[in-house]
PDB file of N, CA and C in Angstrom:
ATOM      1  N   MET A   1      39.626 192.243  75.071  1.00  0.00           N
ATOM      2  CA  MET A   1      40.520 191.116  75.044  1.00  0.00           C
ATOM      3  C   MET A   1      40.645 190.508  73.661  1.00  0.00           C
ATOM      4  N   ARG A   2      39.613 190.677  72.838  1.00  0.00           N
ATOM      5  CA  ARG A   2      39.695 190.018  71.539  1.00  0.00           C
ATOM      6  C   ARG A   2      40.723 190.661  70.611  1.00  0.00           C
ATOM      7  N   ASN A   3      41.231 191.869  70.903  1.00  0.00           N
ATOM      8  CA  ASN A   3      42.272 192.506  70.096  1.00  0.00           C
ATOM      9  C   ASN A   3      43.661 192.312  70.696  1.00  0.00           C
ATOM     10  N   ALA A   4      43.747 191.575  71.777  1.00  0.00           N
ATOM     11  CA  ALA A   4      45.040 191.353  72.433  1.00  0.00           C
ATOM     12  C   ALA A   4      46.027 190.652  71.519  1.00  0.00           C
ATOM     13  N   HIS A   5      45.535 189.792  70.633  1.00  0.00           N
ATOM     14  CA  HIS A   5      46.430 189.081  69.719  1.00  0.00           C
ATOM     15  C   HIS A   5      47.138 190.048  68.763  1.00  0.00           C
ATOM     16  N   ARG A   6      46.589 191.238  68.566  1.00  0.00           N
ATOM     17  CA  ARG A   6      47.246 192.250  67.723  1.00  0.00           C
ATOM     18  C   ARG A   6      48.254 193.075  68.522  1.00  0.00           C
ATOM     19  N   PHE A   7      48.043 193.195  69.797  1.00  0.00           N
ATOM     20  CA  PHE A   7      48.880 194.027  70.650  1.00  0.00           C
ATOM     21  C   PHE A   7      50.270 193.436  70.860  1.00  0.00           C
ATOM     22  N   TRP A   8      50.371 192.165  71.150  1.00  0.00           N
ATOM     23  CA  TRP A   8      51.654 191.554  71.512  1.00  0.00           C
ATOM     24  C   TRP A   8      52.687 191.605  70.395  1.00  0.00           C
ATOM     25  N   PRO A   9      52.345 191.320  69.150  1.00  0.00           N
ATOM     26  CA  PRO A   9      53.361 191.448  68.082  1.00  0.00           C
ATOM     27  C   PRO A   9      53.849 192.889  67.924  1.00  0.00           C
ATOM     28  N   LEU A  10      52.950 193.862  68.083  1.00  0.00           N
ATOM     29  CA  LEU A  10      53.359 195.265  67.983  1.00  0.00           C
ATOM     30  C   LEU A  10      54.286 195.655  69.130  1.00  0.00           C
ATOM     31  N   LEU A  11      53.992 195.175  70.316  1.00  0.00           N
ATOM     32  CA  LEU A  11      54.841 195.450  71.466  1.00  0.00           C
ATOM     33  C   LEU A  11      56.222 194.821  71.279  1.00  0.00           C
ATOM     34  N   ALA A  12      56.249 193.595  70.828  1.00  0.00           N
ATOM     35  CA  ALA A  12      57.531 192.914  70.586  1.00  0.00           C
ATOM     36  C   ALA A  12      58.353 193.666  69.539  1.00  0.00           C
ATOM     37  N   ALA A  13      57.728 194.119  68.467  1.00  0.00           N
ATOM     38  CA  ALA A  13      58.434 194.869  67.426  1.00  0.00           C
ATOM     39  C   ALA A  13      58.972 196.183  67.970  1.00  0.00           C
ATOM     40  N   ALA A  14      58.198 196.862  68.795  1.00  0.00           N
ATOM     41  CA  ALA A  14      58.641 198.131  69.375  1.00  0.00           C
ATOM     42  C   ALA A  14      59.844 197.935  70.300  1.00  0.00           C
ATOM     43  N   ILE A  15      59.903 196.825  70.978  1.00  0.00           N
ATOM     44  CA  ILE A  15      61.016 196.543  71.882  1.00  0.00           C
ATOM     45  C   ILE A  15      62.251 196.101  71.103  1.00  0.00           C
ATOM     46  N   LEU A  16      62.079 195.247  70.124  1.00  0.00           N
ATOM     47  CA  LEU A  16      63.208 194.673  69.404  1.00  0.00           C
ATOM     48  C   LEU A  16      63.765 195.561  68.306  1.00  0.00           C
ATOM     49  N   LEU A  17      62.969 196.422  67.705  1.00  0.00           N
ATOM     50  CA  LEU A  17      63.422 197.236  66.589  1.00  0.00           C
ATOM     51  C   LEU A  17      64.648 198.072  66.910  1.00  0.00           C
ATOM     52  N   PRO A  18      64.717 198.757  68.049  1.00  0.00           N
ATOM     53  CA  PRO A  18      65.910 199.545  68.334  1.00  0.00           C
ATOM     54  C   PRO A  18      67.171 198.693  68.516  1.00  0.00           C
ATOM     55  N   MET A  19      67.021 197.399  68.720  1.00  0.00           N
ATOM     56  CA  MET A  19      68.159 196.533  68.952  1.00  0.00           C
ATOM     57  C   MET A  19      68.851 196.133  67.654  1.00  0.00           C
ATOM     58  N   HIS A  20      68.204 196.348  66.512  1.00  0.00           N
ATOM     59  CA  HIS A  20      68.784 195.938  65.236  1.00  0.00           C
ATOM     60  C   HIS A  20      69.828 196.935  64.773  1.00  0.00           C
ATOM     61  N   LEU A  21      70.908 196.410  64.269  1.00  0.00           N
ATOM     62  CA  LEU A  21      71.994 197.205  63.734  1.00  0.00           C
ATOM     63  C   LEU A  21      71.567 197.836  62.415  1.00  0.00           C
ATOM     64  N   LYS A  22      71.871 199.137  62.256  1.00  0.00           N
ATOM     65  CA  LYS A  22      71.606 199.822  60.992  1.00  0.00           C
ATOM     66  C   LYS A  22      72.595 200.966  60.840  1.00  0.00           C
ATOM     67  N   LEU A  23      72.803 201.390  59.620  1.00  0.00           N
ATOM     68  CA  LEU A  23      73.642 202.547  59.344  1.00  0.00           C
ATOM     69  C   LEU A  23      72.839 203.796  59.673  1.00  0.00           C
ATOM     70  N   ASP A  24      73.352 204.615  60.589  1.00  0.00           N
ATOM     71  CA  ASP A  24      72.666 205.849  60.956  1.00  0.00           C
ATOM     72  C   ASP A  24      73.015 206.995  60.013  1.00  0.00           C
ATOM     73  N   LYS A  25      74.308 207.138  59.688  1.00  0.00           N
ATOM     74  CA  LYS A  25      74.719 208.216  58.791  1.00  0.00           C
ATOM     75  C   LYS A  25      76.110 207.922  58.240  1.00  0.00           C
ATOM     76  N   SER A  26      76.478 208.677  57.244  1.00  0.00           N
ATOM     77  CA  SER A  26      77.800 208.530  56.642  1.00  0.00           C
ATOM     78  C   SER A  26      78.347 209.904  56.279  1.00  0.00           C
ATOM     79  N   ASP A  27      79.654 209.960  56.136  1.00  0.00           N
ATOM     80  CA  ASP A  27      80.332 211.145  55.634  1.00  0.00           C
ATOM     81  C   ASP A  27      81.421 210.667  54.698  1.00  0.00           C
ATOM     82  N   PRO A  28      81.287 210.896  53.400  1.00  0.00           N
ATOM     83  CA  PRO A  28      80.263 211.701  52.731  1.00  0.00           C
ATOM     84  C   PRO A  28      78.890 211.033  52.770  1.00  0.00           C
ATOM     85  N   LYS A  29      77.876 211.871  52.676  1.00  0.00           N
ATOM     86  CA  LYS A  29      76.503 211.368  52.674  1.00  0.00           C
ATOM     87  C   LYS A  29      76.183 210.703  51.344  1.00  0.00           C
ATOM     88  N   ALA A  30      75.244 209.766  51.387  1.00  0.00           N
ATOM     89  CA  ALA A  30      74.788 209.092  50.165  1.00  0.00           C
ATOM     90  C   ALA A  30      74.244 210.116  49.180  1.00  0.00           C
ATOM     91  N   ASP A  31      74.633 209.960  47.916  1.00  0.00           N
ATOM     92  CA  ASP A  31      74.156 210.794  46.811  1.00  0.00           C
ATOM     93  C   ASP A  31      74.529 212.265  46.948  1.00  0.00           C
ATOM     94  N   SER A  32      75.583 212.557  47.715  1.00  0.00           N
ATOM     95  CA  SER A  32      76.024 213.935  47.877  1.00  0.00           C
ATOM     96  C   SER A  32      77.055 214.300  46.817  1.00  0.00           C
ATOM     97  N   THR A  33      77.237 215.610  46.599  1.00  0.00           N
ATOM     98  CA  THR A  33      78.231 216.123  45.658  1.00  0.00           C
ATOM     99  C   THR A  33      79.165 217.046  46.416  1.00  0.00           C
ATOM    100  N   HIS A  34      80.461 216.892  46.152  1.00  0.00           N
ATOM    101  CA  HIS A  34      81.495 217.636  46.885  1.00  0.00           C
ATOM    102  C   HIS A  34      82.381 218.414  45.921  1.00  0.00           C
ATOM    103  N   THR A  35      82.682 219.662  46.272  1.00  0.00           N
ATOM    104  CA  THR A  35      83.596 220.462  45.458  1.00  0.00           C
ATOM    105  C   THR A  35      85.046 220.167  45.817  1.00  0.00           C
ATOM    106  N   SER A  36      85.266 219.619  46.998  1.00  0.00           N
ATOM    107  CA  SER A  36      86.604 219.154  47.366  1.00  0.00           C
ATOM    108  C   SER A  36      86.484 217.689  47.786  1.00  0.00           C
ATOM    109  N   ALA A  37      87.513 216.933  47.460  1.00  0.00           N
ATOM    110  CA  ALA A  37      87.474 215.486  47.710  1.00  0.00           C
ATOM    111  C   ALA A  37      87.571 215.182  49.201  1.00  0.00           C
ATOM    112  N   PRO A  38      86.737 214.275  49.694  1.00  0.00           N
ATOM    113  CA  PRO A  38      86.852 213.862  51.094  1.00  0.00           C
ATOM    114  C   PRO A  38      88.171 213.112  51.314  1.00  0.00           C
ATOM    115  N   LYS A  39      88.686 213.202  52.524  1.00  0.00           N
ATOM    116  CA  LYS A  39      89.941 212.520  52.864  1.00  0.00           C
ATOM    117  C   LYS A  39      89.694 211.177  53.536  1.00  0.00           C
ATOM    118  N   ALA A  40      88.427 210.909  53.856  1.00  0.00           N
ATOM    119  CA  ALA A  40      88.063 209.660  54.528  1.00  0.00           C
ATOM    120  C   ALA A  40      86.593 209.381  54.298  1.00  0.00           C
ATOM    121  N   VAL A  41      86.217 208.139  54.528  1.00  0.00           N
ATOM    122  CA  VAL A  41      84.814 207.735  54.547  1.00  0.00           C
ATOM    123  C   VAL A  41      84.527 207.303  55.976  1.00  0.00           C
ATOM    124  N   SER A  42      83.491 207.885  56.565  1.00  0.00           N
ATOM    125  CA  SER A  42      83.121 207.569  57.943  1.00  0.00           C
ATOM    126  C   SER A  42      81.689 207.045  57.985  1.00  0.00           C
ATOM    127  N   LEU A  43      81.485 205.986  58.761  1.00  0.00           N
ATOM    128  CA  LEU A  43      80.169 205.370  58.913  1.00  0.00           C
ATOM    129  C   LEU A  43      79.803 205.312  60.386  1.00  0.00           C
ATOM    130  N   TRP A  44      78.594 205.742  60.715  1.00  0.00           N
ATOM    131  CA  TRP A  44      78.078 205.656  62.079  1.00  0.00           C
ATOM    132  C   TRP A  44      76.925 204.666  62.087  1.00  0.00           C
ATOM    133  N   PHE A  45      76.961 203.737  63.022  1.00  0.00           N
ATOM    134  CA  PHE A  45      75.938 202.703  63.130  1.00  0.00           C
ATOM    135  C   PHE A  45      75.120 202.883  64.405  1.00  0.00           C
ATOM    136  N   SER A  46      73.970 202.245  64.449  1.00  0.00           N
ATOM    137  CA  SER A  46      73.041 202.377  65.571  1.00  0.00           C
ATOM    138  C   SER A  46      73.550 201.712  66.846  1.00  0.00           C
ATOM    139  N   GLN A  47      74.557 200.853  66.726  1.00  0.00           N
ATOM    140  CA  GLN A  47      75.174 200.223  67.884  1.00  0.00           C
ATOM    141  C   GLN A  47      76.615 199.875  67.534  1.00  0.00           C
ATOM    142  N   ALA A  48      77.381 199.524  68.531  1.00  0.00           N
ATOM    143  CA  ALA A  48      78.787 199.192  68.317  1.00  0.00           C
ATOM    144  C   ALA A  48      78.916 198.018  67.349  1.00  0.00           C
ATOM    145  N   VAL A  49      79.933 198.090  66.493  1.00  0.00           N
ATOM    146  CA  VAL A  49      80.181 197.024  65.528  1.00  0.00           C
ATOM    147  C   VAL A  49      81.510 196.350  65.836  1.00  0.00           C
ATOM    148  N   GLU A  50      81.663 195.151  65.312  1.00  0.00           N
ATOM    149  CA  GLU A  50      82.899 194.394  65.452  1.00  0.00           C
ATOM    150  C   GLU A  50      83.849 194.853  64.336  1.00  0.00           C
ATOM    151  N   LEU A  51      84.861 195.640  64.681  1.00  0.00           N
ATOM    152  CA  LEU A  51      85.769 196.185  63.685  1.00  0.00           C
ATOM    153  C   LEU A  51      86.462 195.102  62.852  1.00  0.00           C
ATOM    154  N   PRO A  52      86.928 193.985  63.458  1.00  0.00           N
ATOM    155  CA  PRO A  52      87.561 192.949  62.637  1.00  0.00           C
ATOM    156  C   PRO A  52      86.623 192.327  61.593  1.00  0.00           C
ATOM    157  N   ALA A  53      85.323 192.392  61.829  1.00  0.00           N
ATOM    158  CA  ALA A  53      84.346 191.820  60.892  1.00  0.00           C
ATOM    159  C   ALA A  53      83.795 192.865  59.924  1.00  0.00           C
ATOM    160  N   THR A  54      84.343 194.075  59.977  1.00  0.00           N
ATOM    161  CA  THR A  54      83.852 195.169  59.158  1.00  0.00           C
ATOM    162  C   THR A  54      84.749 195.355  57.937  1.00  0.00           C
ATOM    163  N   LYS A  55      84.114 195.556  56.791  1.00  0.00           N
ATOM    164  CA  LYS A  55      84.851 195.760  55.536  1.00  0.00           C
ATOM    165  C   LYS A  55      84.233 196.942  54.809  1.00  0.00           C
ATOM    166  N   LEU A  56      85.085 197.791  54.250  1.00  0.00           N
ATOM    167  CA  LEU A  56      84.638 198.921  53.454  1.00  0.00           C
ATOM    168  C   LEU A  56      85.463 198.935  52.169  1.00  0.00           C
ATOM    169  N   THR A  57      84.787 199.067  51.032  1.00  0.00           N
ATOM    170  CA  THR A  57      85.461 199.141  49.739  1.00  0.00           C
ATOM    171  C   THR A  57      85.002 200.403  49.029  1.00  0.00           C
ATOM    172  N   LEU A  58      85.959 201.173  48.539  1.00  0.00           N
ATOM    173  CA  LEU A  58      85.689 202.384  47.780  1.00  0.00           C
ATOM    174  C   LEU A  58      86.113 202.133  46.334  1.00  0.00           C
ATOM    175  N   THR A  59      85.197 202.349  45.396  1.00  0.00           N
ATOM    176  CA  THR A  59      85.511 202.146  43.984  1.00  0.00           C
ATOM    177  C   THR A  59      85.140 203.389  43.181  1.00  0.00           C
ATOM    178  N   ASP A  60      85.837 203.576  42.056  1.00  0.00           N
ATOM    179  CA  ASP A  60      85.526 204.700  41.178  1.00  0.00           C
ATOM    180  C   ASP A  60      84.462 204.286  40.156  1.00  0.00           C
ATOM    181  N   ALA A  61      84.162 205.189  39.222  1.00  0.00           N
ATOM    182  CA  ALA A  61      83.100 204.918  38.236  1.00  0.00           C
ATOM    183  C   ALA A  61      83.422 203.721  37.352  1.00  0.00           C
ATOM    184  N   ALA A  62      84.727 203.427  37.157  1.00  0.00           N
ATOM    185  CA  ALA A  62      85.139 202.278  36.348  1.00  0.00           C
ATOM    186  C   ALA A  62      85.180 200.993  37.175  1.00  0.00           C
ATOM    187  N   LYS A  63      84.709 201.078  38.419  1.00  0.00           N
ATOM    188  CA  LYS A  63      84.695 199.959  39.368  1.00  0.00           C
ATOM    189  C   LYS A  63      86.099 199.532  39.801  1.00  0.00           C
ATOM    190  N   LYS A  64      87.067 200.444  39.661  1.00  0.00           N
ATOM    191  CA  LYS A  64      88.424 200.192  40.119  1.00  0.00           C
ATOM    192  C   LYS A  64      88.506 200.574  41.600  1.00  0.00           C
ATOM    193  N   GLU A  65      89.065 199.671  42.401  1.00  0.00           N
ATOM    194  CA  GLU A  65      89.149 199.924  43.834  1.00  0.00           C
ATOM    195  C   GLU A  65      90.119 201.063  44.135  1.00  0.00           C
ATOM    196  N   VAL A  66      89.701 201.942  45.018  1.00  0.00           N
ATOM    197  CA  VAL A  66      90.517 203.063  45.473  1.00  0.00           C
ATOM    198  C   VAL A  66      91.151 202.659  46.802  1.00  0.00           C
ATOM    199  N   ALA A  67      92.451 202.871  46.923  1.00  0.00           N
ATOM    200  CA  ALA A  67      93.174 202.459  48.135  1.00  0.00           C
ATOM    201  C   ALA A  67      92.744 203.273  49.347  1.00  0.00           C
ATOM    202  N   THR A  68      92.472 202.552  50.434  1.00  0.00           N
ATOM    203  CA  THR A  68      92.170 203.179  51.718  1.00  0.00           C
ATOM    204  C   THR A  68      93.040 202.534  52.789  1.00  0.00           C
ATOM    205  N   LYS A  69      93.215 203.250  53.865  1.00  0.00           N
ATOM    206  CA  LYS A  69      93.980 202.710  54.991  1.00  0.00           C
ATOM    207  C   LYS A  69      93.096 201.740  55.781  1.00  0.00           C
ATOM    208  N   ALA A  70      93.689 201.012  56.689  1.00  0.00           N
ATOM    209  CA  ALA A  70      92.938 200.077  57.534  1.00  0.00           C
ATOM    210  C   ALA A  70      91.844 200.831  58.295  1.00  0.00           C
ATOM    211  N   LEU A  71      90.722 200.168  58.493  1.00  0.00           N
ATOM    212  CA  LEU A  71      89.617 200.778  59.233  1.00  0.00           C
ATOM    213  C   LEU A  71      90.011 201.048  60.674  1.00  0.00           C
ATOM    214  N   THR A  72      89.554 202.181  61.169  1.00  0.00           N
ATOM    215  CA  THR A  72      89.766 202.538  62.572  1.00  0.00           C
ATOM    216  C   THR A  72      88.426 202.945  63.165  1.00  0.00           C
ATOM    217  N   LYS A  73      88.387 203.023  64.478  1.00  0.00           N
ATOM    218  CA  LYS A  73      87.177 203.479  65.155  1.00  0.00           C
ATOM    219  C   LYS A  73      87.491 204.831  65.792  1.00  0.00           C
ATOM    220  N   ALA A  74      86.719 205.845  65.444  1.00  0.00           N
ATOM    221  CA  ALA A  74      86.890 207.192  65.979  1.00  0.00           C
ATOM    222  C   ALA A  74      86.315 207.268  67.396  1.00  0.00           C
ATOM    223  N   PRO A  75      86.737 208.275  68.173  1.00  0.00           N
ATOM    224  CA  PRO A  75      86.211 208.426  69.533  1.00  0.00           C
ATOM    225  C   PRO A  75      84.682 208.552  69.593  1.00  0.00           C
ATOM    226  N   ASP A  76      84.070 209.079  68.524  1.00  0.00           N
ATOM    227  CA  ASP A  76      82.603 209.217  68.514  1.00  0.00           C
ATOM    228  C   ASP A  76      81.903 207.949  68.039  1.00  0.00           C
ATOM    229  N   GLY A  77      82.669 206.864  67.815  1.00  0.00           N
ATOM    230  CA  GLY A  77      82.096 205.587  67.431  1.00  0.00           C
ATOM    231  C   GLY A  77      82.071 205.323  65.940  1.00  0.00           C
ATOM    232  N   ALA A  78      82.434 206.303  65.124  1.00  0.00           N
ATOM    233  CA  ALA A  78      82.421 206.113  63.671  1.00  0.00           C
ATOM    234  C   ALA A  78      83.484 205.109  63.257  1.00  0.00           C
ATOM    235  N   VAL A  79      83.172 204.341  62.232  1.00  0.00           N
ATOM    236  CA  VAL A  79      84.152 203.485  61.567  1.00  0.00           C
ATOM    237  C   VAL A  79      84.711 204.320  60.429  1.00  0.00           C
ATOM    238  N   VAL A  80      86.038 204.482  60.391  1.00  0.00           N
ATOM    239  CA  VAL A  80      86.665 205.414  59.456  1.00  0.00           C
ATOM    240  C   VAL A  80      87.673 204.701  58.563  1.00  0.00           C
ATOM    241  N   ALA A  81      87.594 204.992  57.264  1.00  0.00           N
ATOM    242  CA  ALA A  81      88.576 204.529  56.286  1.00  0.00           C
ATOM    243  C   ALA A  81      89.203 205.764  55.658  1.00  0.00           C
ATOM    244  N   ALA A  82      90.450 206.062  56.022  1.00  0.00           N
ATOM    245  CA  ALA A  82      91.155 207.188  55.403  1.00  0.00           C
ATOM    246  C   ALA A  82      91.497 206.812  53.971  1.00  0.00           C
ATOM    247  N   ILE A  83      91.359 207.779  53.073  1.00  0.00           N
ATOM    248  CA  ILE A  83      91.639 207.554  51.661  1.00  0.00           C
ATOM    249  C   ILE A  83      93.104 207.872  51.408  1.00  0.00           C
ATOM    250  N   ASP A  84      93.828 206.938  50.756  1.00  0.00           N
ATOM    251  CA  ASP A  84      95.276 207.063  50.564  1.00  0.00           C
ATOM    252  C   ASP A  84      95.696 208.250  49.704  1.00  0.00           C
ATOM    253  N   ALA A  85      95.023 208.495  48.605  1.00  0.00           N
ATOM    254  CA  ALA A  85      95.417 209.563  47.681  1.00  0.00           C
ATOM    255  C   ALA A  85      94.201 210.435  47.378  1.00  0.00           C
ATOM    256  N   PRO A  86      94.423 211.690  47.020  1.00  0.00           N
ATOM    257  CA  PRO A  86      93.284 212.575  46.704  1.00  0.00           C
ATOM    258  C   PRO A  86      92.431 211.996  45.571  1.00  0.00           C
ATOM    259  N   LEU A  87      91.136 212.131  45.717  1.00  0.00           N
ATOM    260  CA  LEU A  87      90.201 211.647  44.694  1.00  0.00           C
ATOM    261  C   LEU A  87      90.077 212.689  43.587  1.00  0.00           C
ATOM    262  N   SER A  88      90.047 212.223  42.357  1.00  0.00           N
ATOM    263  CA  SER A  88      89.805 213.126  41.232  1.00  0.00           C
ATOM    264  C   SER A  88      88.294 213.268  41.040  1.00  0.00           C
ATOM    265  N   ALA A  89      87.919 214.153  40.136  1.00  0.00           N
ATOM    266  CA  ALA A  89      86.495 214.356  39.862  1.00  0.00           C
ATOM    267  C   ALA A  89      85.884 213.055  39.358  1.00  0.00           C
ATOM    268  N   GLY A  90      84.668 212.783  39.794  1.00  0.00           N
ATOM    269  CA  GLY A  90      83.974 211.584  39.357  1.00  0.00           C
ATOM    270  C   GLY A  90      83.026 211.074  40.422  1.00  0.00           C
ATOM    271  N   THR A  91      82.390 209.956  40.105  1.00  0.00           N
ATOM    272  CA  THR A  91      81.460 209.323  41.033  1.00  0.00           C
ATOM    273  C   THR A  91      82.153 208.137  41.684  1.00  0.00           C
ATOM    274  N   TYR A  92      81.935 207.984  42.970  1.00  0.00           N
ATOM    275  CA  TYR A  92      82.549 206.912  43.756  1.00  0.00           C
ATOM    276  C   TYR A  92      81.468 206.122  44.473  1.00  0.00           C
ATOM    277  N   ASN A  93      81.717 204.837  44.641  1.00  0.00           N
ATOM    278  CA  ASN A  93      80.779 203.961  45.328  1.00  0.00           C
ATOM    279  C   ASN A  93      81.441 203.404  46.591  1.00  0.00           C
ATOM    280  N   VAL A  94      80.713 203.447  47.681  1.00  0.00           N
ATOM    281  CA  VAL A  94      81.160 202.879  48.956  1.00  0.00           C
ATOM    282  C   VAL A  94      80.314 201.641  49.219  1.00  0.00           C
ATOM    283  N   SER A  95      80.971 200.493  49.354  1.00  0.00           N
ATOM    284  CA  SER A  95      80.291 199.255  49.748  1.00  0.00           C
ATOM    285  C   SER A  95      80.820 198.871  51.118  1.00  0.00           C
ATOM    286  N   TRP A  96      79.919 198.473  52.004  1.00  0.00           N
ATOM    287  CA  TRP A  96      80.339 198.125  53.356  1.00  0.00           C
ATOM    288  C   TRP A  96      79.574 196.919  53.855  1.00  0.00           C
ATOM    289  N   ARG A  97      80.183 196.278  54.829  1.00  0.00           N
ATOM    290  CA  ARG A  97      79.582 195.114  55.504  1.00  0.00           C
ATOM    291  C   ARG A  97      80.098 195.137  56.930  1.00  0.00           C
ATOM    292  N   THR A  98      79.231 194.894  57.897  1.00  0.00           N
ATOM    293  CA  THR A  98      79.661 194.881  59.291  1.00  0.00           C
ATOM    294  C   THR A  98      78.797 193.932  60.113  1.00  0.00           C
ATOM    295  N   MET A  99      79.213 193.738  61.357  1.00  0.00           N
ATOM    296  CA  MET A  99      78.512 192.820  62.248  1.00  0.00           C
ATOM    297  C   MET A  99      78.460 193.423  63.655  1.00  0.00           C
ATOM    298  N   ALA A 100      77.331 193.263  64.300  1.00  0.00           N
ATOM    299  CA  ALA A 100      77.165 193.683  65.695  1.00  0.00           C
ATOM    300  C   ALA A 100      77.699 192.597  66.617  1.00  0.00           C
ATOM    301  N   LYS A 101      77.847 192.930  67.881  1.00  0.00           N
ATOM    302  CA  LYS A 101      78.338 191.962  68.873  1.00  0.00           C
ATOM    303  C   LYS A 101      77.445 190.731  68.968  1.00  0.00           C
ATOM    304  N   ASP A 102      76.144 190.891  68.648  1.00  0.00           N
ATOM    305  CA  ASP A 102      75.215 189.756  68.718  1.00  0.00           C
ATOM    306  C   ASP A 102      75.266 188.873  67.473  1.00  0.00           C
ATOM    307  N   GLY A 103      76.139 189.208  66.518  1.00  0.00           N
ATOM    308  CA  GLY A 103      76.275 188.410  65.313  1.00  0.00           C
ATOM    309  C   GLY A 103      75.420 188.868  64.145  1.00  0.00           C
ATOM    310  N   HIS A 104      74.598 189.891  64.351  1.00  0.00           N
ATOM    311  CA  HIS A 104      73.736 190.420  63.289  1.00  0.00           C
ATOM    312  C   HIS A 104      74.611 191.102  62.234  1.00  0.00           C
ATOM    313  N   VAL A 105      74.549 190.620  60.987  1.00  0.00           N
ATOM    314  CA  VAL A 105      75.350 191.148  59.886  1.00  0.00           C
ATOM    315  C   VAL A 105      74.467 191.995  58.974  1.00  0.00           C
ATOM    316  N   ILE A 106      74.978 193.168  58.589  1.00  0.00           N
ATOM    317  CA  ILE A 106      74.290 194.005  57.608  1.00  0.00           C
ATOM    318  C   ILE A 106      75.307 194.488  56.592  1.00  0.00           C
ATOM    319  N   LYS A 107      74.801 194.887  55.431  1.00  0.00           N
ATOM    320  CA  LYS A 107      75.671 195.437  54.406  1.00  0.00           C
ATOM    321  C   LYS A 107      74.896 196.463  53.603  1.00  0.00           C
ATOM    322  N   GLY A 108      75.617 197.268  52.872  1.00  0.00           N
ATOM    323  CA  GLY A 108      74.974 198.271  52.043  1.00  0.00           C
ATOM    324  C   GLY A 108      75.983 198.966  51.165  1.00  0.00           C
ATOM    325  N   ASP A 109      75.487 199.893  50.392  1.00  0.00           N
ATOM    326  CA  ASP A 109      76.373 200.693  49.550  1.00  0.00           C
ATOM    327  C   ASP A 109      75.691 202.020  49.233  1.00  0.00           C
ATOM    328  N   PHE A 110      76.491 202.980  48.834  1.00  0.00           N
ATOM    329  CA  PHE A 110      75.981 204.286  48.421  1.00  0.00           C
ATOM    330  C   PHE A 110      77.048 204.944  47.568  1.00  0.00           C
ATOM    331  N   ALA A 111      76.623 205.969  46.844  1.00  0.00           N
ATOM    332  CA  ALA A 111      77.527 206.696  45.959  1.00  0.00           C
ATOM    333  C   ALA A 111      77.617 208.156  46.382  1.00  0.00           C
ATOM    334  N   PHE A 112      78.722 208.780  45.999  1.00  0.00           N
ATOM    335  CA  PHE A 112      78.880 210.227  46.145  1.00  0.00           C
ATOM    336  C   PHE A 112      79.713 210.707  44.956  1.00  0.00           C
ATOM    337  N   THR A 113      79.673 212.011  44.699  1.00  0.00           N
ATOM    338  CA  THR A 113      80.357 212.576  43.543  1.00  0.00           C
ATOM    339  C   THR A 113      81.314 213.673  43.983  1.00  0.00           C
ATOM    340  N   VAL A 114      82.460 213.724  43.328  1.00  0.00           N
ATOM    341  CA  VAL A 114      83.432 214.802  43.507  1.00  0.00           C
ATOM    342  C   VAL A 114      83.439 215.591  42.211  1.00  0.00           C
ATOM    343  N   LYS A 115      83.255 216.900  42.316  1.00  0.00           N
ATOM    344  CA  LYS A 115      83.253 217.789  41.129  1.00  0.00           C
ATOM    345  C   LYS A 115      84.640 218.300  40.851  1.00  0.00           C
TER     346      LYS A 115
END
């Protein structure tokens, strides 16, 4: 019984951790290199996100914003931003921010390169 005080916080963390919103994967992947330019940026999250509260910005190496179409939700749950024009060779940065139905907000960024 004297170790019970250690058990309850661990149990609570194990129950609550899966409930937190996080980025599961992206396409293109973070720090990846591509021989052909992607036509869209897709983000998959650990739970459904509020599309109206979601923002994605794509910038080039000079920090100039690259035009993308309005965000959509794919049948597999991905949040997708189609890229308006073909990307030239260079490094690109994706910055994103989103919110879960419970109001939990997360944000992040990653880069990828086109050869």
